[in-house]
């Protein structure tokens, strides 16, 4: 059942809505890579060990993974704009906390608050579907989805530039300012979506999902530090399996679950979500691996001796390519279907990692390789929401997109753990310094290529040219090429 929000208004400026939501997506995605240029300096800056300092990154990934599906469900129930405002407010508060402290504990807490805003992207996608004219939705969804990659890519040069010019705390003051600007734009220009799903919030489901995901991602992100066969790592993995299985049983039995697992189990949704894990894996792998290769000294035999700022700027074109190709992705989806678009994106990713085995001898080669990979990620990310939106009821769009974003977060968390382990264990000595060997980078490329191959197989398994299952309460839902519901279909908004 849907009801009209009392402050719902007629949409007169869809371009402004797309621009605001795209900006919000970039700001929240920036949080993932904001501190990567500072990784080597964090132990010194925070007065702690490298292992403890890694929590500055891990806390953001964990918080994002846990909160994304919860904020999506709350958005469906209480208003997507309202949840977007809360997300941006939390991001700004977390940024201010980080800017004011040099304490590890407070820094980790602030970074967790920044990660909690990651629900902004799926919320934005759902607002677009609810509010915009049908003919604008496809390209808008593609553009907003691509901001996850764009924000992550431009976070490197932006944070490097600010850190070199104004000190590392200034990075967080800048992110706080961006969060406040985004919050103001939402309040001024964005209407509240009138589509609601009245129900009791599944607090037990949220708690179970949070505990299960935290246990899983703790094992993934800290396994290299704790030891993959240690009691702590295996205990977290075991607890995750038990809790998530129990959570699934409960979700299937209650009337208003946090996540409708029957919808999630539809092949179109299931295989899209699994492919999302692998694409997210490649995105973070690109950000983590290539910047280290660029910054390594010439004495390694492979390094390009770039500064922190230089390396970030040389990776920035990948983010620009992601954004420029979002409309292209929407066009391909309109003509061939989002399944074909996703498969094309994954193929480009794979081609980029194949090229990486030969094209790392010069800065321009690394930039070109990253642009190819970025093109694939941008096209793939932009296709995923169309696949999800075409297979779920209109009343569950935010929750379903939240789960899809969760899959990407699991991919990035897994990538951080796997790539970090490879680069830390395949090393060479350069005087007193230990650095990754070229073999480590080749191993990382090979792992990423295998991930792209698996993503392609999963995308190929997505059902094509079959009518999407939609609830009987929406008999007028239109369908388009490749059997997915047009992501711009406007639901009735009766009082």
Protein backbone atom coordinates (compact mmCIF):
# COMPACT_ATOMS: atom_id res chain seq x y z
CA UNK A 1 0.00 0.00 0.00
CA UNK A 2 1.30 3.48 -0.78
CA UNK A 3 0.22 6.80 0.66
CA UNK A 4 0.93 10.38 -0.29
CA UNK A 5 3.27 12.23 1.97
CA UNK A 6 1.73 15.52 3.19
CA UNK A 7 4.71 17.50 1.85
CA UNK A 8 4.80 15.76 -1.53
CA UNK A 9 5.05 18.20 -4.43
CA UNK A 10 4.94 18.05 -8.18
CA UNK A 11 8.41 17.56 -9.61
CA UNK A 12 9.21 20.58 -11.78
CA UNK A 13 13.01 20.35 -12.03
CA UNK A 14 14.11 16.73 -12.53
CA UNK A 15 17.57 17.90 -13.60
CA UNK A 16 18.12 19.54 -10.23
CA UNK A 17 17.01 16.36 -8.42
CA UNK A 18 19.46 14.25 -10.42
CA UNK A 19 22.28 16.71 -9.77
CA UNK A 20 21.61 16.84 -6.01
CA UNK A 21 21.37 13.07 -5.66
CA UNK A 22 24.49 12.57 -7.78
CA UNK A 23 26.40 15.03 -5.58
CA UNK A 24 25.20 13.22 -2.45
CA UNK A 25 26.36 9.91 -3.93
CA UNK A 26 29.83 11.27 -4.69
CA UNK A 27 30.17 12.80 -1.20
CA UNK A 28 29.25 9.57 0.57
CA UNK A 29 31.39 7.42 -1.73
CA UNK A 30 34.38 9.69 -1.00
CA UNK A 31 34.41 8.30 2.53
CA UNK A 32 35.62 4.90 1.30
CA UNK A 33 38.94 6.14 -0.10
CA UNK A 34 39.34 9.44 1.76
CA UNK A 35 42.12 8.13 4.02
CA UNK A 36 43.92 5.81 1.59
CA UNK A 37 46.65 8.38 0.79
CA UNK A 38 47.25 8.63 4.57
CA UNK A 39 47.48 4.88 5.22
CA UNK A 40 51.27 4.73 5.61
CA UNK A 41 51.27 7.77 7.95
CA UNK A 42 48.30 6.85 10.16
CA UNK A 43 50.27 4.81 12.76
CA UNK A 44 52.56 7.82 13.35
CA UNK A 45 49.73 10.37 13.25
CA UNK A 46 47.60 8.43 15.72
CA UNK A 47 50.44 7.08 17.87
CA UNK A 48 49.52 3.44 17.37
CA UNK A 49 50.47 0.27 15.51
CA UNK A 50 49.77 -0.37 11.83
CA UNK A 51 47.34 -3.13 12.83
CA UNK A 52 45.34 -0.80 15.06
CA UNK A 53 45.46 2.00 12.49
CA UNK A 54 43.83 -0.29 9.91
CA UNK A 55 40.59 0.12 11.89
CA UNK A 56 40.34 3.65 10.49
CA UNK A 57 39.49 1.97 7.16
CA UNK A 58 37.79 -1.16 8.51
CA UNK A 59 35.31 0.74 10.69
CA UNK A 60 33.97 2.66 7.68
CA UNK A 61 33.46 -0.51 5.63
CA UNK A 62 31.79 -2.30 8.55
CA UNK A 63 29.43 0.56 9.39
CA UNK A 64 28.47 1.01 5.76
CA UNK A 65 27.74 -2.68 5.26
CA UNK A 66 25.55 -2.86 8.36
CA UNK A 67 23.59 0.38 7.93
CA UNK A 68 22.90 0.33 4.16
CA UNK A 69 20.07 -2.28 4.15
CA UNK A 70 18.64 -0.84 7.38
CA UNK A 71 18.49 2.73 6.05
CA UNK A 72 16.91 1.43 2.85
CA UNK A 73 14.13 -0.28 4.75
CA UNK A 74 13.55 2.76 6.98
CA UNK A 75 13.41 4.88 3.82
CA UNK A 76 10.66 2.69 2.38
CA UNK A 77 8.73 2.99 5.64
CA UNK A 78 9.25 6.56 6.82
CA UNK A 79 10.44 8.54 3.81
CA UNK A 80 13.54 8.30 1.66
CA UNK A 81 14.36 12.02 1.80
CA UNK A 82 14.11 11.92 5.58
CA UNK A 83 16.60 9.05 5.80
CA UNK A 84 18.89 10.80 3.31
CA UNK A 85 18.92 13.90 5.53
CA UNK A 86 19.77 11.77 8.57
CA UNK A 87 22.56 9.98 6.65
CA UNK A 88 24.19 13.23 5.57
CA UNK A 89 23.88 14.66 9.08
CA UNK A 90 25.62 11.60 10.53
CA UNK A 91 28.38 11.88 7.89
CA UNK A 92 28.99 15.52 8.78
CA UNK A 93 29.07 14.77 12.51
CA UNK A 94 31.54 11.91 11.98
CA UNK A 95 33.76 14.17 9.86
CA UNK A 96 33.84 16.88 12.54
CA UNK A 97 34.74 14.27 15.17
CA UNK A 98 37.66 13.04 13.05
CA UNK A 99 38.80 16.62 12.40
CA UNK A 100 38.96 17.39 16.12
CA UNK A 101 40.89 14.36 17.34
CA UNK A 102 44.19 12.51 17.08
CA UNK A 103 42.91 9.68 19.27
CA UNK A 104 42.60 6.27 17.61
CA UNK A 105 39.34 5.41 19.41
CA UNK A 106 37.61 8.68 18.50
CA UNK A 107 38.97 8.53 14.95
CA UNK A 108 37.55 5.02 14.48
CA UNK A 109 34.21 6.18 15.90
CA UNK A 110 34.13 9.15 13.54
CA UNK A 111 35.02 7.01 10.55
CA UNK A 112 32.23 4.59 11.49
CA UNK A 113 29.78 7.51 11.44
CA UNK A 114 31.08 8.48 7.99
CA UNK A 115 30.50 4.90 6.79
CA UNK A 116 26.98 4.91 8.16
CA UNK A 117 26.05 7.42 5.44
CA UNK A 118 26.63 4.91 2.62
CA UNK A 119 22.88 4.33 2.43
CA UNK A 120 22.58 7.65 0.54
CA UNK A 121 23.24 6.06 -2.86
CA UNK A 122 20.49 3.38 -2.78
CA UNK A 123 18.13 5.92 -1.24
CA UNK A 124 18.86 8.32 -4.11
CA UNK A 125 18.22 5.63 -6.71
CA UNK A 126 14.86 4.86 -5.12
CA UNK A 127 13.88 8.54 -4.96
CA UNK A 128 14.59 8.81 -8.69
CA UNK A 129 12.36 5.85 -9.44
CA UNK A 130 9.54 7.27 -7.34
CA UNK A 131 9.64 10.88 -8.48
CA UNK A 132 11.05 11.41 -11.96
CA UNK A 133 9.29 11.10 -15.32
CA UNK A 134 9.72 7.67 -16.84
CA UNK A 135 11.87 8.90 -19.72
CA UNK A 136 14.46 10.41 -17.31
CA UNK A 137 14.78 7.50 -14.89
CA UNK A 138 17.07 5.16 -16.82
CA UNK A 139 19.88 7.67 -17.32
CA UNK A 140 19.40 9.14 -13.83
CA UNK A 141 19.66 5.75 -12.12
CA UNK A 142 22.78 4.96 -14.14
CA UNK A 143 24.42 8.28 -13.20
CA UNK A 144 23.65 7.98 -9.47
CA UNK A 145 24.79 4.36 -9.34
CA UNK A 146 28.07 5.31 -11.05
CA UNK A 147 28.79 7.88 -8.33
CA UNK A 148 29.89 5.04 -6.03
CA UNK A 149 32.87 4.44 -8.29
CA UNK A 150 33.37 8.10 -9.15
CA UNK A 151 33.49 9.20 -5.51
CA UNK A 152 35.86 6.40 -4.57
CA UNK A 153 38.18 7.30 -7.47
CA UNK A 154 38.33 11.06 -6.92
CA UNK A 155 38.70 10.62 -3.16
CA UNK A 156 42.38 9.78 -3.68
CA UNK A 157 43.54 13.01 -5.38
CA UNK A 158 41.17 15.21 -3.38
CA UNK A 159 42.37 13.95 0.00
CA UNK A 160 46.02 13.96 -1.13
CA UNK A 161 45.75 17.55 -2.32
CA UNK A 162 44.09 18.73 0.90
CA UNK A 163 46.47 16.78 3.16
CA UNK A 164 49.57 18.17 1.43
CA UNK A 165 48.26 21.72 1.43
CA UNK A 166 46.55 22.02 4.80
CA UNK A 167 47.43 19.05 6.99
CA UNK A 168 45.69 15.72 7.50
CA UNK A 169 42.96 17.06 9.80
CA UNK A 170 41.89 19.40 7.01
CA UNK A 171 40.80 16.33 5.00
CA UNK A 172 38.03 15.75 7.53
CA UNK A 173 37.05 19.43 7.77
CA UNK A 174 36.62 19.35 3.98
CA UNK A 175 34.46 16.21 4.15
CA UNK A 176 32.33 17.84 6.86
CA UNK A 177 31.83 20.89 4.64
CA UNK A 178 30.83 18.70 1.68
CA UNK A 179 28.37 16.83 3.88
CA UNK A 180 26.77 20.08 5.08
CA UNK A 181 26.50 21.40 1.52
CA UNK A 182 24.87 18.16 0.38
CA UNK A 183 22.48 18.30 3.34
CA UNK A 184 21.49 21.87 2.49
CA UNK A 185 20.85 21.01 -1.17
CA UNK A 186 18.63 18.08 -0.17
CA UNK A 187 16.57 20.25 2.19
CA UNK A 188 16.20 23.01 -0.41
CA UNK A 189 15.67 21.13 -3.67
CA UNK A 190 14.57 17.57 -3.02
CA UNK A 191 10.90 16.63 -2.53
CA UNK A 192 9.95 13.82 -0.20
CA UNK A 193 8.97 10.66 -2.03
CA UNK A 194 5.29 9.94 -1.45
CA UNK A 195 5.60 6.17 -1.77
CA UNK A 196 5.60 4.51 1.66
CA UNK A 197 5.38 0.99 3.04
CA UNK A 198 3.59 1.31 6.42
CA UNK A 199 4.80 -1.44 8.75
CA UNK A 200 6.50 -2.05 12.08
CA UNK A 201 10.28 -1.81 11.88
CA UNK A 202 11.92 -5.21 12.18
CA UNK A 203 14.30 -4.36 15.03
CA UNK A 204 15.20 -8.02 15.65
CA UNK A 205 16.02 -8.46 11.97
CA UNK A 206 18.21 -5.34 11.99
CA UNK A 207 20.07 -6.57 15.08
CA UNK A 208 20.57 -10.05 13.64
CA UNK A 209 21.77 -8.73 10.29
CA UNK A 210 24.12 -6.27 11.99
CA UNK A 211 25.72 -8.92 14.22
CA UNK A 212 26.01 -11.45 11.40
CA UNK A 213 27.58 -8.97 8.99
CA UNK A 214 29.96 -7.57 11.57
CA UNK A 215 31.20 -11.06 12.43
CA UNK A 216 31.66 -11.91 8.74
CA UNK A 217 33.42 -8.68 7.79
CA UNK A 218 35.60 -8.73 10.91
CA UNK A 219 36.88 -12.15 9.87
CA UNK A 220 37.47 -10.95 6.30
CA UNK A 221 39.17 -7.67 7.15
CA UNK A 222 41.21 -8.83 10.18
CA UNK A 223 41.95 -12.42 9.15
CA UNK A 224 45.42 -11.51 7.86
CA UNK A 225 46.28 -9.84 11.19
CA UNK A 226 44.74 -12.46 13.47
CA UNK A 227 45.73 -15.43 11.31
CA UNK A 228 43.31 -17.14 8.93
CA UNK A 229 43.22 -20.31 11.04
CA UNK A 230 43.18 -18.57 14.42
CA UNK A 231 40.38 -19.24 16.89
CA UNK A 232 39.26 -15.61 16.65
CA UNK A 233 38.93 -15.63 12.84
CA UNK A 234 37.24 -19.04 12.71
CA UNK A 235 35.01 -18.07 15.62
CA UNK A 236 33.83 -14.93 13.79
CA UNK A 237 33.15 -16.92 10.63
CA UNK A 238 31.24 -19.59 12.54
CA UNK A 239 29.23 -17.01 14.46
CA UNK A 240 28.40 -15.24 11.21
CA UNK A 241 27.07 -18.41 9.61
CA UNK A 242 24.94 -19.31 12.65
CA UNK A 243 23.54 -15.80 13.15
CA UNK A 244 22.78 -15.17 9.46
CA UNK A 245 21.06 -18.55 9.07
CA UNK A 246 18.94 -17.83 12.15
CA UNK A 247 18.23 -14.35 10.80
CA UNK A 248 17.08 -15.80 7.47
CA UNK A 249 14.69 -18.22 9.20
CA UNK A 250 13.14 -15.40 11.22
CA UNK A 251 12.87 -13.09 8.19
CA UNK A 252 10.95 -15.74 6.26
CA UNK A 253 8.41 -16.12 9.06
CA UNK A 254 7.47 -12.56 9.97
CA UNK A 255 4.94 -10.36 8.17
CA UNK A 256 7.11 -7.25 7.69
CA UNK A 257 10.74 -8.38 7.43
CA UNK A 258 13.74 -6.09 7.10
CA UNK A 259 14.49 -7.82 3.79
CA UNK A 260 12.01 -9.86 1.76
CA UNK A 261 14.23 -12.89 1.14
CA UNK A 262 11.72 -14.40 -1.27
CA UNK A 263 12.15 -11.37 -3.53
CA UNK A 264 15.91 -11.42 -2.97
CA UNK A 265 16.02 -15.08 -4.02
CA UNK A 266 14.57 -14.32 -7.46
CA UNK A 267 17.30 -15.22 -9.96
CA UNK A 268 17.45 -11.72 -11.44
CA UNK A 269 18.08 -10.20 -7.99
CA UNK A 270 20.24 -13.02 -6.65
CA UNK A 271 22.70 -13.20 -9.54
CA UNK A 272 22.88 -9.41 -9.82
CA UNK A 273 23.78 -9.18 -6.12
CA UNK A 274 26.43 -11.90 -6.44
CA UNK A 275 27.94 -10.13 -9.45
CA UNK A 276 27.92 -6.90 -7.41
CA UNK A 277 30.26 -8.50 -4.87
CA UNK A 278 32.84 -9.20 -7.58
CA UNK A 279 32.56 -5.75 -9.19
CA UNK A 280 32.98 -4.10 -5.78
CA UNK A 281 36.01 -6.33 -5.25
CA UNK A 282 37.63 -5.05 -8.44
CA UNK A 283 36.83 -1.40 -7.65
CA UNK A 284 38.60 -1.38 -4.30
CA UNK A 285 41.39 -3.57 -5.66
CA UNK A 286 42.09 -0.95 -8.32
CA UNK A 287 42.21 1.85 -5.75
CA UNK A 288 44.40 -0.08 -3.30
CA UNK A 289 46.91 -1.67 -5.71
CA UNK A 290 47.69 0.91 -8.37
CA UNK A 291 48.36 3.78 -5.98
CA UNK A 292 51.06 1.71 -4.26
CA UNK A 293 52.62 0.82 -7.59
CA UNK A 294 52.71 4.48 -8.60
CA UNK A 295 54.24 5.63 -5.31
CA UNK A 296 56.91 2.91 -5.05
CA UNK A 297 60.49 4.20 -5.58
CA UNK A 298 62.43 3.57 -8.81
CA UNK A 299 64.88 1.40 -6.88
CA UNK A 300 62.28 -1.38 -6.70
CA UNK A 301 62.65 -1.90 -10.44
CA UNK A 302 58.95 -1.34 -11.03
CA UNK A 303 57.99 1.74 -9.02
CA UNK A 304 57.19 5.08 -10.64
CA UNK A 305 58.20 7.28 -7.68
CA UNK A 306 55.11 9.48 -7.73
CA UNK A 307 54.11 11.72 -4.85
CA UNK A 308 50.91 11.10 -2.92
CA UNK A 309 49.21 13.92 -4.81
CA UNK A 310 50.64 12.89 -8.18
CA UNK A 311 49.47 9.30 -7.77
CA UNK A 312 45.98 10.43 -6.81
CA UNK A 313 45.73 12.76 -9.80
CA UNK A 314 46.93 10.02 -12.16
CA UNK A 315 44.14 7.72 -10.95
CA UNK A 316 41.46 10.43 -11.13
CA UNK A 317 40.72 9.95 -14.88
CA UNK A 318 39.27 6.53 -14.02
CA UNK A 319 36.58 8.27 -11.96
CA UNK A 320 35.86 10.75 -14.73
CA UNK A 321 35.44 7.89 -17.22
CA UNK A 322 32.98 6.19 -14.86
CA UNK A 323 30.77 9.26 -14.79
CA UNK A 324 30.99 9.96 -18.54
CA UNK A 325 29.97 6.40 -19.40
CA UNK A 326 26.90 6.32 -17.14
CA UNK A 327 24.62 7.73 -19.90
CA UNK A 328 26.16 5.26 -22.36
CA UNK A 329 25.31 2.46 -19.97
CA UNK A 330 21.70 3.65 -19.77
CA UNK A 331 21.51 3.73 -23.58
CA UNK A 332 22.82 0.19 -23.91
CA UNK A 333 20.38 -0.98 -21.24
CA UNK A 334 17.47 0.67 -23.07
CA UNK A 335 18.38 -1.05 -26.33
CA UNK A 336 19.84 -4.38 -25.23
CA UNK A 337 18.78 -4.76 -21.63
CA UNK A 338 20.78 -4.23 -18.41
CA UNK A 339 22.01 -7.82 -18.41
CA UNK A 340 23.99 -7.20 -21.61
CA UNK A 341 25.25 -3.91 -20.18
CA UNK A 342 26.52 -5.61 -17.03
CA UNK A 343 28.27 -8.30 -19.04
CA UNK A 344 29.93 -5.65 -21.23
CA UNK A 345 31.14 -3.75 -18.18
CA UNK A 346 32.64 -6.88 -16.63
CA UNK A 347 34.41 -7.72 -19.91
CA UNK A 348 36.01 -4.26 -19.94
CA UNK A 349 37.15 -4.74 -16.34
CA UNK A 350 38.76 -8.04 -17.25
CA UNK A 351 40.45 -6.49 -20.28
CA UNK A 352 41.93 -3.79 -18.05
CA UNK A 353 43.45 -6.30 -15.65
CA UNK A 354 44.84 -8.34 -18.56
CA UNK A 355 46.47 -5.16 -19.90
CA UNK A 356 47.92 -4.44 -16.44
CA UNK A 357 50.32 -7.37 -16.77
CA UNK A 358 52.15 -5.49 -19.56
CA UNK A 359 51.31 -1.80 -19.14
CA UNK A 360 52.83 -0.63 -15.85
CA UNK A 361 56.23 0.67 -17.01
CA UNK A 362 55.13 4.31 -17.31
CA UNK A 363 52.67 6.59 -15.55
CA UNK A 364 50.54 7.07 -18.66
CA UNK A 365 50.23 3.29 -19.04
CA UNK A 366 48.92 2.88 -15.50
CA UNK A 367 46.46 5.72 -16.09
CA UNK A 368 45.17 4.09 -19.29
CA UNK A 369 44.81 0.70 -17.58
CA UNK A 370 42.84 2.29 -14.73
CA UNK A 371 40.62 4.12 -17.21
CA UNK A 372 39.77 0.81 -18.94
CA UNK A 373 38.98 -0.82 -15.60
CA UNK A 374 37.04 2.29 -14.53
CA UNK A 375 35.01 2.21 -17.73
CA UNK A 376 34.00 -1.37 -16.98
CA UNK A 377 33.14 -0.61 -13.37
CA UNK A 378 31.12 2.47 -14.35
CA UNK A 379 29.10 0.60 -16.98
CA UNK A 380 28.58 -2.38 -14.66
CA UNK A 381 27.56 -0.33 -11.62
CA UNK A 382 25.11 1.70 -13.70
CA UNK A 383 23.37 -1.46 -14.96
CA UNK A 384 22.81 -3.09 -11.58
CA UNK A 385 19.97 -0.90 -10.24
CA UNK A 386 17.95 -1.43 -13.45
CA UNK A 387 18.18 -5.19 -12.91
CA UNK A 388 17.18 -4.85 -9.24
CA UNK A 389 14.38 -2.34 -9.82
CA UNK A 390 12.89 -4.51 -12.53
CA UNK A 391 12.49 -7.49 -10.20
CA UNK A 392 11.15 -6.00 -6.95
CA UNK A 393 7.87 -4.39 -5.92
CA UNK A 394 7.75 -0.60 -6.06
CA UNK A 395 7.23 -0.48 -2.28
CA UNK A 396 10.58 -2.18 -1.60
CA UNK A 397 12.93 -0.30 -3.93
CA UNK A 398 15.08 1.33 -1.25
CA UNK A 399 15.48 -1.88 0.75
CA UNK A 400 16.35 -3.88 -2.37
CA UNK A 401 18.87 -1.28 -3.55
CA UNK A 402 20.27 -1.19 -0.04
CA UNK A 403 20.94 -4.92 -0.17
CA UNK A 404 22.60 -4.49 -3.57
CA UNK A 405 24.86 -1.80 -2.12
CA UNK A 406 25.58 -4.16 0.77
CA UNK A 407 26.86 -6.73 -1.72
CA UNK A 408 29.21 -4.12 -3.19
CA UNK A 409 30.41 -3.30 0.35
CA UNK A 410 31.14 -6.96 1.02
CA UNK A 411 33.13 -6.97 -2.22
CA UNK A 412 35.19 -3.93 -1.20
CA UNK A 413 35.80 -5.33 2.30
CA UNK A 414 36.90 -8.67 0.89
CA UNK A 415 39.15 -6.90 -1.60
CA UNK A 416 40.81 -4.86 1.16
CA UNK A 417 41.57 -8.06 3.08
CA UNK A 418 42.73 -10.18 0.13
CA UNK A 419 44.81 -7.51 -1.61
CA UNK A 420 46.29 -6.37 1.69
CA UNK A 421 47.34 -9.92 2.49
CA UNK A 422 48.92 -10.47 -0.94
CA UNK A 423 50.85 -7.19 -0.86
CA UNK A 424 51.98 -7.78 2.73
CA UNK A 425 53.27 -11.34 2.20
CA UNK A 426 54.87 -11.16 -1.26
CA UNK A 427 57.55 -8.59 -0.49
CA UNK A 428 61.09 -7.43 -1.24
CA UNK A 429 63.69 -5.62 0.88
CA UNK A 430 64.89 -2.16 -0.10
CA UNK A 431 67.41 -1.26 2.59
CA UNK A 432 65.50 -1.22 5.89
CA UNK A 433 62.14 -0.91 4.11
CA UNK A 434 59.90 -3.82 3.09
CA UNK A 435 57.81 -3.24 -0.04
CA UNK A 436 55.50 -5.39 -2.20
CA UNK A 437 57.30 -7.24 -4.98
CA UNK A 438 56.24 -7.06 -8.62
CA UNK A 439 55.04 -10.64 -8.16
CA UNK A 440 52.60 -9.33 -5.54
CA UNK A 441 51.14 -6.86 -8.01
CA UNK A 442 50.84 -9.56 -10.69
CA UNK A 443 49.10 -11.82 -8.17
CA UNK A 444 46.68 -8.99 -7.35
CA UNK A 445 45.96 -8.49 -11.06
CA UNK A 446 45.35 -12.21 -11.49
CA UNK A 447 42.97 -12.36 -8.50
CA UNK A 448 41.07 -9.34 -9.84
CA UNK A 449 40.89 -10.95 -13.29
CA UNK A 450 39.47 -14.12 -11.75
CA UNK A 451 36.89 -11.96 -9.95
CA UNK A 452 35.91 -10.32 -13.24
CA UNK A 453 35.57 -13.74 -14.89
CA UNK A 454 33.30 -14.93 -12.08
CA UNK A 455 31.25 -11.72 -12.33
CA UNK A 456 30.80 -12.36 -16.06
CA UNK A 457 29.52 -15.90 -15.42
CA UNK A 458 27.11 -14.62 -12.77
CA UNK A 459 25.86 -11.87 -15.09
CA UNK A 460 25.36 -14.42 -17.86
CA UNK A 461 23.22 -16.49 -15.47
CA UNK A 462 20.76 -13.61 -14.93
CA UNK A 463 17.47 -14.57 -16.62
CA UNK A 464 16.83 -12.59 -19.79
CA UNK A 465 13.68 -11.80 -21.76
CA UNK A 466 11.36 -12.99 -19.03
CA UNK A 467 8.63 -10.87 -17.49
CA UNK A 468 9.62 -9.57 -14.10
CA UNK A 469 7.44 -10.71 -11.24
CA UNK A 470 5.47 -7.78 -9.87
CA UNK A 471 2.80 -7.71 -7.21
CA UNK A 472 -0.79 -7.97 -8.33
CA UNK A 473 -1.48 -4.59 -6.77
CA UNK A 474 0.48 -3.03 -9.63
CA UNK A 475 -1.28 -4.41 -12.70
CA UNK A 476 -0.28 -1.43 -14.83
CA UNK A 477 3.46 -1.90 -14.39
CA UNK A 478 5.12 -1.53 -17.77
CA UNK A 479 7.83 -3.86 -18.94
CA UNK A 480 10.66 -3.21 -21.31
CA UNK A 481 13.28 -5.00 -23.37
CA UNK A 482 14.94 -8.00 -21.66
CA UNK A 483 12.00 -8.46 -19.35
CA UNK A 484 12.65 -5.88 -16.66
CA UNK A 485 10.14 -3.36 -15.39
CA UNK A 486 10.74 0.13 -16.69
CA UNK A 487 12.59 1.86 -13.82
CA UNK A 488 10.54 4.95 -14.31
CA UNK A 489 7.08 3.56 -13.86
CA UNK A 490 5.12 5.88 -11.63
CA UNK A 491 3.12 4.24 -8.85
CA UNK A 492 -0.28 5.60 -7.93
CA UNK A 493 -0.09 8.01 -5.06
CA UNK A 494 -3.50 7.99 -3.57
CA UNK A 495 -4.12 9.59 -0.25
